[in-house]
Protein backbone atom coordinates (compact mmCIF):
# COMPACT_ATOMS: atom_id res chain seq x y z
CA MET A 1 41.68 21.91 -156.33
CA ARG A 2 45.38 21.42 -156.32
CA THR A 3 45.55 21.95 -152.59
CA ALA A 4 42.74 19.26 -152.01
CA LEU A 5 44.62 16.79 -154.13
CA VAL A 6 47.85 17.46 -152.06
CA LEU A 7 45.88 17.10 -148.83
CA LEU A 8 44.28 13.82 -149.97
CA LEU A 9 47.70 12.39 -150.72
CA LEU A 10 48.89 13.60 -147.32
CA LEU A 11 45.86 12.01 -145.58
CA ALA A 12 46.70 8.76 -147.24
CA LEU A 13 50.33 8.98 -146.11
CA ALA A 14 49.27 9.93 -142.66
CA ALA A 15 47.16 6.71 -142.48
CA VAL A 16 50.25 4.56 -143.22
CA PRO A 17 51.44 4.40 -139.61
CA GLY A 18 48.06 2.98 -138.57
CA SER A 19 48.69 -0.15 -140.50
CA LEU A 20 52.31 -0.58 -139.46
CA VAL A 21 51.99 0.21 -135.75
CA PRO A 22 49.45 -1.64 -133.66
CA GLN A 23 46.67 0.62 -132.64
CA GLU A 24 45.78 0.68 -128.81
CA GLY A 25 42.03 1.10 -129.48
CA ARG A 26 41.76 -1.90 -131.83
CA GLN A 27 44.59 -4.11 -130.96
CA PRO A 28 45.58 -3.51 -127.17
CA ALA A 29 47.37 -6.91 -126.88
CA GLN A 30 49.51 -6.20 -129.95
CA ALA A 31 50.26 -2.82 -128.95
CA ALA A 32 51.50 -3.90 -125.58
CA GLU A 33 53.67 -6.61 -127.25
CA PHE A 34 55.10 -3.93 -129.55
CA ARG A 35 55.97 -1.78 -126.62
CA ARG A 36 57.71 -4.65 -124.82
CA ARG A 37 59.64 -5.68 -127.89
CA TYR A 38 60.82 -2.16 -128.76
CA PRO A 39 61.22 -0.28 -125.49
CA ASP A 40 63.49 2.27 -127.00
CA LEU A 41 61.35 3.22 -130.07
CA ALA A 42 57.89 2.96 -128.26
CA PRO A 43 58.13 6.20 -126.36
CA LEU A 44 58.99 8.24 -129.41
CA LEU A 45 56.11 6.55 -131.31
CA ASP A 46 53.82 7.22 -128.47
CA LYS A 47 54.74 10.97 -128.41
CA LEU A 48 53.97 11.18 -132.12
CA GLY A 49 50.51 9.44 -131.59
CA PHE A 50 51.48 6.36 -133.86
CA PHE A 51 49.62 4.09 -131.32
CA ASP A 52 46.39 5.96 -132.03
CA VAL A 53 46.90 7.38 -135.28
CA TYR A 54 43.29 7.99 -136.26
CA ALA A 55 42.53 10.01 -133.11
CA SER A 56 45.80 11.94 -133.17
CA PRO A 57 45.68 15.81 -133.53
CA TRP A 58 47.87 15.95 -136.52
CA PHE A 59 45.68 13.27 -138.36
CA ALA A 60 42.61 15.26 -137.38
CA ALA A 61 44.23 18.46 -138.75
CA VAL A 62 44.82 16.96 -142.11
CA TYR A 63 41.29 15.76 -142.33
CA LEU A 64 39.80 19.07 -141.18
CA LEU A 65 42.07 20.97 -143.77
CA LEU A 66 40.89 18.60 -146.43
CA PHE A 67 37.21 19.40 -145.54
CA ILE A 68 37.97 23.17 -145.80
CA SER A 69 39.79 22.72 -149.04
CA LEU A 70 36.98 20.82 -150.65
CA ALA A 71 34.55 23.35 -149.33
CA GLY A 72 36.65 26.09 -150.79
CA CYS A 73 36.62 24.32 -154.12
CA ILE A 74 33.09 23.32 -154.27
CA VAL A 75 31.31 26.57 -153.15
CA PRO A 76 32.87 28.98 -155.71
CA ARG A 77 32.65 26.48 -158.61
CA THR A 78 28.97 26.06 -157.69
CA LYS A 79 28.30 29.69 -157.90
CA GLN A 80 30.14 30.01 -161.25
CA TYR A 81 28.21 27.09 -162.55
CA VAL A 82 24.76 28.62 -161.55
CA ARG A 83 25.92 31.93 -163.36
CA ILE A 84 26.67 29.95 -166.48
CA LEU A 85 23.37 28.07 -166.40
CA ARG A 86 21.52 31.68 -166.00
CA SER A 87 23.48 33.21 -168.68
CA ARG A 88 22.89 33.05 -172.48
CA PRO A 89 25.05 30.86 -174.65
CA PRO A 90 28.03 32.73 -176.13
CA THR A 91 27.33 34.78 -179.26
CA ALA A 92 28.73 33.59 -182.69
CA PRO A 93 32.29 34.71 -183.58
CA SER A 94 32.57 37.18 -186.24
CA ARG A 95 34.25 34.59 -188.63
CA LEU A 96 32.59 31.32 -188.38
CA ASP A 97 34.36 30.10 -191.59
CA ARG A 98 37.66 30.19 -189.63
CA LEU A 99 36.45 27.39 -187.23
CA PRO A 100 37.72 23.92 -187.88
CA GLN A 101 34.19 22.55 -188.10
CA HIS A 102 31.97 24.57 -190.40
CA VAL A 103 29.54 24.29 -193.45
CA ALA A 104 28.25 27.11 -195.54
CA TRP A 105 25.99 27.61 -198.53
CA THR A 106 23.77 30.01 -200.22
CA ALA A 107 20.05 29.59 -200.28
CA SER A 108 16.91 31.62 -201.24
CA SER A 109 14.93 32.07 -198.01
CA ASP A 110 13.64 34.47 -195.40
CA ARG A 111 16.33 35.24 -192.91
CA GLY A 112 14.06 35.12 -189.95
CA GLU A 113 12.50 31.84 -190.96
CA ALA A 114 16.06 30.32 -191.30
CA LEU A 115 17.07 31.55 -187.87
CA LEU A 116 13.77 30.13 -186.36
CA THR A 117 14.20 26.87 -187.85
CA ALA A 118 17.82 26.51 -186.85
CA GLY A 119 16.77 27.34 -183.26
CA ASP A 120 14.10 24.75 -183.27
CA LEU A 121 16.54 22.02 -184.72
CA LEU A 122 19.04 22.84 -181.99
CA ARG A 123 16.57 22.66 -179.22
CA ARG A 124 15.53 19.09 -180.38
CA ARG A 125 19.10 18.08 -179.97
CA ARG A 126 18.96 19.40 -176.28
CA PHE A 127 21.01 22.57 -176.87
CA ARG A 128 20.40 25.71 -174.90
CA VAL A 129 19.57 28.19 -177.63
CA ALA A 130 19.66 31.92 -178.04
CA VAL A 131 18.51 33.49 -181.25
CA ASP A 132 19.69 37.00 -182.22
CA PHE A 133 17.42 38.34 -184.86
CA GLU A 134 18.86 42.07 -184.67
CA GLY A 135 22.68 42.14 -184.42
CA ASN A 136 24.55 39.59 -186.73
CA GLY A 137 21.56 37.33 -187.25
CA SER A 138 22.73 34.20 -185.54
CA VAL A 139 21.65 31.36 -183.43
CA ALA A 140 23.98 30.11 -180.55
CA GLY A 141 23.51 26.71 -179.10
CA GLU A 142 25.43 25.06 -176.31
CA LYS A 143 25.18 21.71 -174.43
CA GLY A 144 27.32 19.54 -172.19
CA TYR A 145 26.62 21.25 -168.97
CA LEU A 146 26.33 17.93 -167.26
CA ARG A 147 30.20 17.77 -167.37
CA GLU A 148 30.60 20.40 -164.95
CA ALA A 149 27.71 19.15 -162.93
CA GLY A 150 29.32 15.74 -162.78
CA ASN A 151 32.52 17.42 -161.55
CA LEU A 152 30.67 19.25 -158.85
CA VAL A 153 28.74 15.96 -157.88
CA PHE A 154 31.99 14.11 -157.69
CA HIS A 155 33.54 16.65 -155.36
CA THR A 156 30.37 17.07 -153.18
CA ALA A 157 30.10 13.28 -152.93
CA LEU A 158 33.76 12.93 -151.97
CA PHE A 159 32.96 15.58 -149.17
CA GLY A 160 30.06 13.45 -148.12
CA LEU A 161 32.15 10.28 -148.15
CA LEU A 162 34.59 11.79 -145.86
CA ILE A 163 31.86 12.83 -143.49
CA ALA A 164 30.51 9.42 -143.62
CA LEU A 165 34.00 7.87 -142.79
CA ALA A 166 34.41 10.32 -140.03
CA GLY A 167 31.08 9.52 -138.51
CA GLY A 168 31.77 5.79 -138.73
CA SER A 169 34.89 6.23 -136.89
CA LEU A 170 33.23 8.42 -134.16
CA PHE A 171 29.91 6.67 -133.77
CA GLY A 172 30.46 2.92 -135.07
CA THR A 173 31.26 0.01 -133.07
CA THR A 174 32.89 -3.40 -133.93
CA GLY A 175 33.16 -6.46 -131.87
CA GLN A 176 34.26 -10.08 -131.93
CA LYS A 177 32.55 -13.04 -130.39
CA LEU A 178 33.28 -16.78 -130.57
CA VAL A 179 29.95 -18.74 -130.02
CA LEU A 180 29.88 -22.48 -129.48
CA GLU A 181 27.14 -24.69 -130.95
CA GLY A 182 24.04 -24.40 -128.90
CA GLU A 183 25.10 -21.22 -127.05
CA SER A 184 23.73 -17.69 -127.54
CA PHE A 185 25.02 -14.16 -127.89
CA THR A 186 23.27 -10.88 -126.75
CA ASN A 187 24.27 -7.51 -128.04
CA THR A 188 25.76 -6.03 -124.83
CA VAL A 189 29.32 -4.97 -124.21
CA THR A 190 29.99 -7.61 -121.55
CA GLN A 191 29.17 -10.36 -124.20
CA TYR A 192 31.82 -9.54 -126.54
CA ASP A 193 35.40 -11.16 -126.55
CA ASP A 194 36.73 -7.94 -128.05
CA PHE A 195 34.81 -4.69 -128.33
CA THR A 196 36.00 -1.52 -130.03
CA PRO A 197 33.64 1.48 -129.79
CA GLY A 198 34.10 4.60 -131.79
CA THR A 199 35.39 7.83 -130.25
CA LEU A 200 31.90 9.13 -129.34
CA ALA A 201 30.16 5.76 -129.25
CA SER A 202 28.64 4.51 -125.96
CA ALA A 203 27.17 1.12 -124.69
CA ASP A 204 23.76 2.76 -124.97
CA SER A 205 24.07 3.12 -128.73
CA LEU A 206 23.81 -0.76 -129.09
CA GLN A 207 20.60 -2.04 -130.36
CA PRO A 208 18.99 -4.91 -128.53
CA PHE A 209 19.23 -8.18 -130.53
CA GLY A 210 20.59 -11.64 -129.96
CA PHE A 211 21.30 -15.04 -131.67
CA ARG A 212 21.84 -18.60 -130.99
CA LEU A 213 24.24 -20.85 -133.03
CA LYS A 214 22.00 -23.80 -133.79
CA GLY A 215 24.54 -25.55 -135.86
CA PHE A 216 27.72 -25.08 -138.07
CA SER A 217 28.53 -27.09 -141.25
CA ALA A 218 31.65 -26.86 -143.40
CA THR A 219 32.43 -28.92 -146.59
CA TYR A 220 35.96 -29.41 -148.05
CA GLN A 221 37.46 -30.62 -151.24
CA ARG A 222 38.14 -34.35 -150.88
CA SER A 223 40.60 -34.76 -153.95
CA GLY A 224 42.55 -32.93 -156.42
CA PRO A 225 45.08 -30.14 -156.05
CA GLN A 226 42.65 -28.23 -153.89
CA ARG A 227 42.26 -31.03 -151.47
CA GLY A 228 41.35 -29.61 -148.07
CA THR A 229 40.06 -26.25 -149.46
CA ALA A 230 36.77 -25.18 -148.00
CA SER A 231 33.81 -25.30 -150.28
CA SER A 232 31.35 -23.59 -147.96
CA PHE A 233 31.07 -22.51 -144.35
CA VAL A 234 27.46 -22.18 -143.05
CA ALA A 235 26.34 -20.99 -139.56
CA LYS A 236 22.70 -21.73 -138.81
CA LEU A 237 21.31 -19.02 -136.50
CA SER A 238 18.19 -18.37 -134.66
CA TYR A 239 17.88 -14.53 -133.84
CA THR A 240 15.62 -12.14 -132.18
CA GLU A 241 15.41 -8.32 -132.62
CA GLY A 242 14.31 -5.96 -129.97
CA ASP A 243 12.86 -6.75 -126.56
CA GLY A 244 10.62 -9.79 -126.80
CA GLY A 245 10.92 -10.16 -130.62
CA ARG A 246 9.85 -13.27 -132.54
CA ALA A 247 12.72 -15.78 -133.19
CA ARG A 248 13.60 -16.10 -136.77
CA ASP A 249 16.16 -18.52 -138.53
CA ALA A 250 19.05 -17.32 -140.79
CA LEU A 251 22.03 -18.73 -142.52
CA VAL A 252 25.15 -16.73 -142.26
CA GLU A 253 28.06 -17.39 -144.70
CA VAL A 254 31.36 -15.91 -145.72
CA ASN A 255 30.46 -12.56 -147.15
CA LYS A 256 26.89 -13.01 -146.56
CA PRO A 257 26.34 -11.32 -143.17
CA LEU A 258 23.06 -11.15 -141.15
CA GLU A 259 21.80 -7.60 -140.82
CA VAL A 260 19.94 -7.23 -137.62
CA GLY A 261 19.50 -4.25 -135.16
CA GLY A 262 21.35 -1.93 -137.39
CA SER A 263 24.41 -4.16 -137.31
CA LYS A 264 25.92 -6.59 -139.62
CA VAL A 265 26.91 -10.14 -138.22
CA PHE A 266 29.86 -11.47 -140.29
CA LEU A 267 31.17 -15.02 -140.19
CA VAL A 268 34.96 -14.65 -139.83
CA GLY A 269 36.12 -18.05 -138.45
CA HIS A 270 35.37 -21.34 -137.10
CA GLY A 271 37.03 -24.28 -135.24
CA TYR A 272 36.47 -27.30 -132.94
CA ALA A 273 35.56 -27.50 -129.36
CA PRO A 274 36.30 -30.91 -127.61
CA VAL A 275 33.48 -31.71 -125.14
CA VAL A 276 35.24 -33.04 -121.90
CA THR A 277 34.41 -33.99 -118.31
CA VAL A 278 36.89 -33.22 -115.60
CA ARG A 279 36.70 -35.09 -112.31
CA ASP A 280 38.84 -34.15 -109.32
CA GLY A 281 40.51 -36.50 -106.69
CA LYS A 282 37.25 -36.89 -104.84
CA GLY A 283 35.46 -38.19 -108.06
CA GLU A 284 33.31 -35.02 -108.34
CA VAL A 285 32.82 -33.15 -111.53
CA ALA A 286 34.93 -30.21 -111.46
CA TRP A 287 34.32 -28.91 -114.87
CA GLN A 288 32.23 -30.22 -117.84
CA GLY A 289 31.48 -28.86 -121.30
CA PRO A 290 33.13 -27.84 -124.69
CA ALA A 291 36.47 -26.05 -124.74
CA ALA A 292 37.11 -23.93 -127.80
CA PHE A 293 40.48 -24.90 -129.35
CA LEU A 294 41.98 -22.32 -131.85
CA PRO A 295 43.09 -23.38 -135.34
CA GLN A 296 46.76 -22.98 -136.17
CA ASP A 297 46.86 -23.98 -139.94
CA GLY A 298 44.71 -24.76 -142.86
CA ASN A 299 44.02 -28.36 -141.76
CA LEU A 300 42.72 -26.97 -138.48
CA ARG A 301 45.37 -28.25 -136.18
CA SER A 302 44.06 -26.60 -132.91
CA VAL A 303 45.59 -25.65 -129.52
CA GLY A 304 43.58 -25.03 -126.32
CA VAL A 305 43.21 -25.43 -122.73
CA VAL A 306 40.85 -26.90 -120.16
CA LYS A 307 40.68 -25.18 -116.74
CA ALA A 308 38.94 -26.66 -113.66
CA PRO A 309 39.91 -24.11 -110.82
CA ASP A 310 37.62 -25.54 -108.26
CA ALA A 311 38.96 -29.17 -108.39
CA ARG A 312 39.97 -30.77 -105.04
CA ASP A 313 42.50 -33.42 -104.27
CA ARG A 314 41.64 -36.71 -102.58
CA ASN A 315 41.94 -35.03 -99.05
CA GLY A 316 39.37 -32.37 -100.15
CA LYS A 317 41.96 -29.68 -100.43
CA ARG A 318 41.53 -27.18 -103.28
CA ASP A 319 43.94 -28.16 -106.00
CA GLY A 320 43.14 -26.61 -109.54
CA LEU A 321 43.48 -28.82 -112.51
CA GLY A 322 44.66 -27.59 -115.85
CA PHE A 323 45.16 -29.26 -119.34
CA SER A 324 46.78 -27.89 -122.44
CA GLY A 325 47.38 -29.59 -125.75
CA PHE A 326 46.33 -29.69 -129.21
CA PHE A 327 43.30 -31.16 -131.31
CA LEU A 328 43.63 -32.92 -134.64
CA PRO A 329 40.56 -33.26 -136.74
CA THR A 330 42.17 -35.98 -138.89
CA VAL A 331 45.23 -37.32 -137.12
CA GLN A 332 48.41 -38.43 -138.92
CA LEU A 333 51.53 -39.47 -136.96
CA THR A 334 54.98 -39.45 -138.62
CA LYS A 335 58.46 -39.29 -137.51
CA ASP A 336 58.20 -35.53 -137.14
CA GLY A 337 55.28 -35.65 -134.89
CA TRP A 338 51.58 -35.33 -134.73
CA PHE A 339 49.74 -33.33 -137.31
CA SER A 340 46.27 -32.98 -139.07
CA SER A 341 46.11 -34.12 -142.70
CA PHE A 342 42.60 -32.96 -143.33
CA PRO A 343 40.27 -30.16 -141.88
CA ALA A 344 37.13 -32.42 -141.37
CA PRO A 345 36.90 -34.54 -138.35
CA ASP A 346 37.45 -37.86 -140.07
CA ASP A 347 39.77 -39.37 -137.40
CA PRO A 348 39.85 -36.84 -134.43
CA VAL A 349 42.52 -37.22 -131.66
CA MET A 350 43.16 -34.84 -128.69
CA VAL A 351 46.62 -34.93 -127.00
CA LEU A 352 46.79 -33.27 -123.74
CA THR A 353 49.29 -32.87 -120.69
CA ALA A 354 47.97 -31.95 -117.25
CA TYR A 355 48.83 -29.64 -114.40
CA HIS A 356 47.71 -29.04 -110.95
CA GLY A 357 48.04 -26.07 -108.58
CA ASP A 358 46.90 -22.53 -108.65
CA LEU A 359 45.64 -21.42 -112.11
CA GLY A 360 45.97 -17.68 -111.11
CA LEU A 361 42.32 -16.95 -111.79
CA ASP A 362 41.98 -15.13 -108.38
CA SER A 363 45.20 -13.16 -108.68
CA GLY A 364 43.36 -10.12 -110.28
CA ARG A 365 45.61 -10.21 -113.29
CA PRO A 366 44.12 -10.38 -116.77
CA GLN A 367 44.32 -13.82 -118.22
CA ASN A 368 43.81 -15.20 -121.71
CA VAL A 369 40.93 -17.82 -121.61
CA TYR A 370 42.71 -19.71 -124.34
CA GLN A 371 46.10 -19.99 -122.62
CA LEU A 372 47.18 -21.81 -119.38
CA ASP A 373 49.25 -19.81 -116.96
CA SER A 374 51.32 -22.59 -115.43
CA SER A 375 53.62 -20.36 -113.36
CA GLY A 376 51.83 -21.43 -110.25
CA MET A 377 51.19 -25.03 -111.22
CA THR A 378 53.09 -28.22 -111.36
CA GLN A 379 53.05 -30.52 -114.39
CA PHE A 380 52.07 -34.27 -113.77
CA ARG A 381 54.86 -36.67 -114.43
CA LYS A 382 55.01 -40.32 -115.26
CA ALA A 383 56.82 -42.86 -112.89
CA ASP A 384 60.01 -42.41 -114.89
CA GLY A 385 59.91 -38.53 -114.42
CA SER A 386 58.86 -37.71 -118.05
CA PRO A 387 56.04 -35.30 -118.40
CA PHE A 388 52.57 -36.92 -118.37
CA ALA A 389 50.71 -36.72 -121.69
CA GLN A 390 48.09 -38.82 -123.48
CA ALA A 391 46.35 -39.00 -126.78
CA LEU A 392 42.49 -39.33 -126.69
CA ARG A 393 39.89 -40.30 -129.04
CA PRO A 394 36.24 -39.59 -128.36
CA GLY A 395 35.11 -41.80 -125.57
CA ASP A 396 38.60 -42.27 -124.13
CA ARG A 397 39.52 -41.27 -120.54
CA MET A 398 42.76 -39.95 -119.04
CA LYS A 399 43.38 -40.85 -115.61
CA LEU A 400 45.90 -38.52 -113.63
CA PRO A 401 48.80 -39.95 -111.75
CA GLY A 402 48.33 -40.40 -107.93
CA GLY A 403 44.43 -40.54 -108.20
CA ALA A 404 44.40 -36.76 -108.68
CA GLY A 405 41.34 -36.99 -111.05
CA SER A 406 40.51 -37.76 -114.54
CA LEU A 407 39.47 -36.30 -117.88
CA THR A 408 36.96 -37.91 -120.25
CA PHE A 409 36.82 -36.97 -124.10
CA ASP A 410 33.13 -36.89 -124.59
CA GLY A 411 32.67 -35.71 -128.07
CA ILE A 412 33.17 -32.76 -130.45
CA LYS A 413 31.38 -29.46 -131.01
CA GLN A 414 32.13 -26.74 -133.41
CA TRP A 415 32.26 -23.05 -132.82
CA ALA A 416 32.12 -20.01 -135.11
CA SER A 417 33.53 -16.63 -134.64
CA PHE A 418 31.52 -13.53 -135.69
CA GLN A 419 32.21 -9.99 -136.12
CA ILE A 420 29.38 -7.68 -135.23
CA ALA A 421 29.75 -4.25 -136.90
CA ARG A 422 27.59 -1.20 -136.60
CA ASN A 423 28.30 1.79 -138.82
CA PRO A 424 25.42 4.33 -138.71
CA SER A 425 26.90 6.15 -141.79
CA ASN A 426 27.09 3.10 -144.08
CA SER A 427 24.17 4.31 -146.28
CA THR A 428 25.76 7.71 -146.57
CA ALA A 429 29.09 6.28 -147.56
CA LEU A 430 27.27 3.99 -150.12
CA TRP A 431 25.36 6.60 -151.76
CA SER A 432 28.31 8.98 -151.81
CA SER A 433 30.38 6.35 -153.50
CA VAL A 434 27.59 5.82 -156.11
CA ALA A 435 27.42 9.55 -156.64
CA MET A 436 31.03 9.85 -157.06
CA GLY A 437 31.06 7.16 -159.70
CA LEU A 438 28.31 8.80 -161.63
CA GLY A 439 29.85 12.28 -161.29
CA LEU A 440 33.11 10.90 -162.37
CA CYS A 441 31.54 9.27 -165.51
CA ALA A 442 29.65 12.41 -166.41
CA SER A 443 33.02 14.59 -166.09
CA LEU A 444 34.88 12.10 -168.25
CA PHE A 445 32.52 11.24 -170.95
CA ILE A 446 30.41 14.32 -171.46
CA ARG A 447 31.83 17.04 -173.50
CA ARG A 448 30.98 20.73 -173.80
CA ARG A 449 29.93 21.74 -177.32
CA ARG A 450 28.92 24.83 -179.01
CA VAL A 451 27.15 25.18 -182.24
CA TRP A 452 26.42 28.39 -184.18
CA VAL A 453 24.31 29.16 -187.19
CA ARG A 454 24.65 32.54 -189.03
CA VAL A 455 22.23 33.79 -191.67
CA GLU A 456 23.73 36.65 -193.68
CA PRO A 457 21.44 38.57 -195.98
CA LEU A 458 22.64 38.90 -199.67
CA LEU A 459 21.23 40.70 -202.71
CA GLY A 460 18.28 39.25 -204.59
CA GLY A 461 16.52 37.75 -201.62
CA ARG A 462 19.22 35.31 -200.96
CA VAL A 463 20.90 34.39 -197.75
CA ARG A 464 24.22 32.80 -196.94
CA ILE A 465 23.85 30.13 -194.08
CA VAL A 466 26.92 29.23 -192.03
CA VAL A 467 26.87 26.30 -189.56
CA ALA A 468 29.92 26.02 -187.25
CA GLY A 469 30.95 24.26 -184.16
CA LEU A 470 33.49 24.29 -181.47
CA ASP A 471 34.58 21.58 -179.05
CA PRO A 472 37.51 22.40 -176.63
CA GLY A 473 38.06 18.61 -176.32
CA GLY A 474 38.53 18.10 -180.09
CA THR A 475 36.32 15.25 -180.38
CA GLU A 476 34.68 13.94 -183.65
CA ARG A 477 31.19 14.17 -182.25
CA THR A 478 31.06 18.08 -182.81
CA ALA A 479 31.97 17.58 -186.52
CA GLU A 480 29.24 15.01 -186.82
CA GLU A 481 26.55 17.24 -185.18
CA VAL A 482 27.68 20.40 -187.54
CA THR A 483 27.30 18.06 -190.61
CA GLU A 484 23.80 16.66 -189.42
CA LEU A 485 22.55 20.16 -188.46
CA ALA A 486 23.73 21.49 -191.83
CA ASP A 487 21.99 18.55 -193.65
CA GLU A 488 18.74 19.14 -192.05
CA LEU A 489 18.91 22.89 -192.64
CA ARG A 490 19.90 22.27 -196.34
CA GLU A 491 16.77 20.04 -196.72
CA ARG A 492 14.67 22.99 -195.78
CA PHE A 493 16.68 25.69 -197.31
CA PRO A 494 18.51 23.99 -200.23
CA ALA A 495 21.60 25.46 -201.85
CA LEU A 496 21.11 27.36 -205.13
CA ARG A 497 22.28 25.32 -208.19
CA THR A 498 24.02 28.30 -209.74
CA ALA A 499 26.21 28.74 -206.79
CA THR A 500 29.96 28.78 -207.15
CA PRO A 501 31.91 26.55 -204.72
CA ASP A 502 33.87 28.16 -201.96
CA VAL A 503 37.47 26.95 -202.56
CA ASN A 504 38.56 28.07 -199.09
CA THR A 505 36.36 25.54 -197.33
CA PRO A 506 38.14 22.40 -196.10
CA GLU A 507 36.93 18.97 -197.11
CA PRO A 508 35.27 16.50 -196.60
CA VAL A 509 33.39 17.49 -193.53
CA HIS A 510 33.79 21.26 -194.03
CA GLN A 511 32.14 21.80 -197.38
CA GLU A 512 30.44 25.01 -198.53
CA GLN A 513 28.10 25.59 -201.48
CA LYS A 514 26.94 28.86 -202.94
């Protein structure tokens, strides 16, 4: 068991690099940035497997050794426990009056009757009982076997929990998706913004389901020290499960996910998407729709871009248009600049600057949809040469210099970000955790207790009855049980009044009468 504890500690230490170094499987962009910022350190960390800790050979080795150690702990202890259950309770010691908890008295009774009565009383108290009529004439009782059973349940459940965690890592999937109001999501790999499959998971393991974001609502504290703090986030969904399933409505809130298709859909974020219409130099609509802006602070000051790669200039030549800027739900202008004073859209303003040229979408290089690659573009400028920019409220229109086109701020939609997680071993992990808790409680609070009753024959048809108990933990409960059992026996086999007190018996619990 000591080895298992050391390995468990070692496993916890081995997982530390996974939280310090970006993992390529889950955070590819952050891992690439880490390599760029630390070019000297990155090769060493790569050789050590720190960029993919949980799939590294040394982490798997510690995990496997922990499994073997737990199995080596559980199997022999289980065999020993079964042997104990099959064996008789230990016989009474030769000198019961030397035990810390004991009571003795002399009574006039049949020896066999006293032994049978003591055995019945112990059975009523859920003791395992063995009666010895021949040898020293004693009754042995023992209980508290659930203590060791709880210990075994705890370690077996820990074994199951480790298997469940390994199964989740191997076969589970996790993905992120930003969904605009009115738009839909289908549970396929291509629909995810970010998808992280388990080591042995495949796209075929994704269950067919989908949902549409019908609406999103958020309420905020309007006054007091918690002004601006969110009171509730609610995403209204219409979802279907399976092929051709019936559409159902559901509300998804923070920490209240939707369970569908073996997956859980968590609400993890939200923001605003200004609805715009971009026209090119020929007056044609080059792009139209909502553009998701990403929040930067608690008051939802958001940044984003609008891309119209197919726009054309006045001569009909392709000349893409790009816009970047920020959105302020409740605008406030100070000497330090623009900022949002409240997260609700009480006074929304969008501030944009514009570019024209090649957006780089046809270059074959991966590009962030929420950032504008302006390396192949030229920023529009005013007549005085300063960068062109304009603040827009809903309904306003931005006209680009030189008749290059325009952008109209049509309105505002909201978006919600969801995490879709599937872990086939969730139920195993849950029940293993419950079993661990129950087993731990049993091993902590249940005590192993032994009680013996000896009936010694005396002259004149008398017997000397001795009740004693032993508790390795030294709790008061054993002393109480010895006293209660002795009282019940004394009621049936009362002490002789002519008896002389035994001065060697401790008081007050350990009293002896003759």
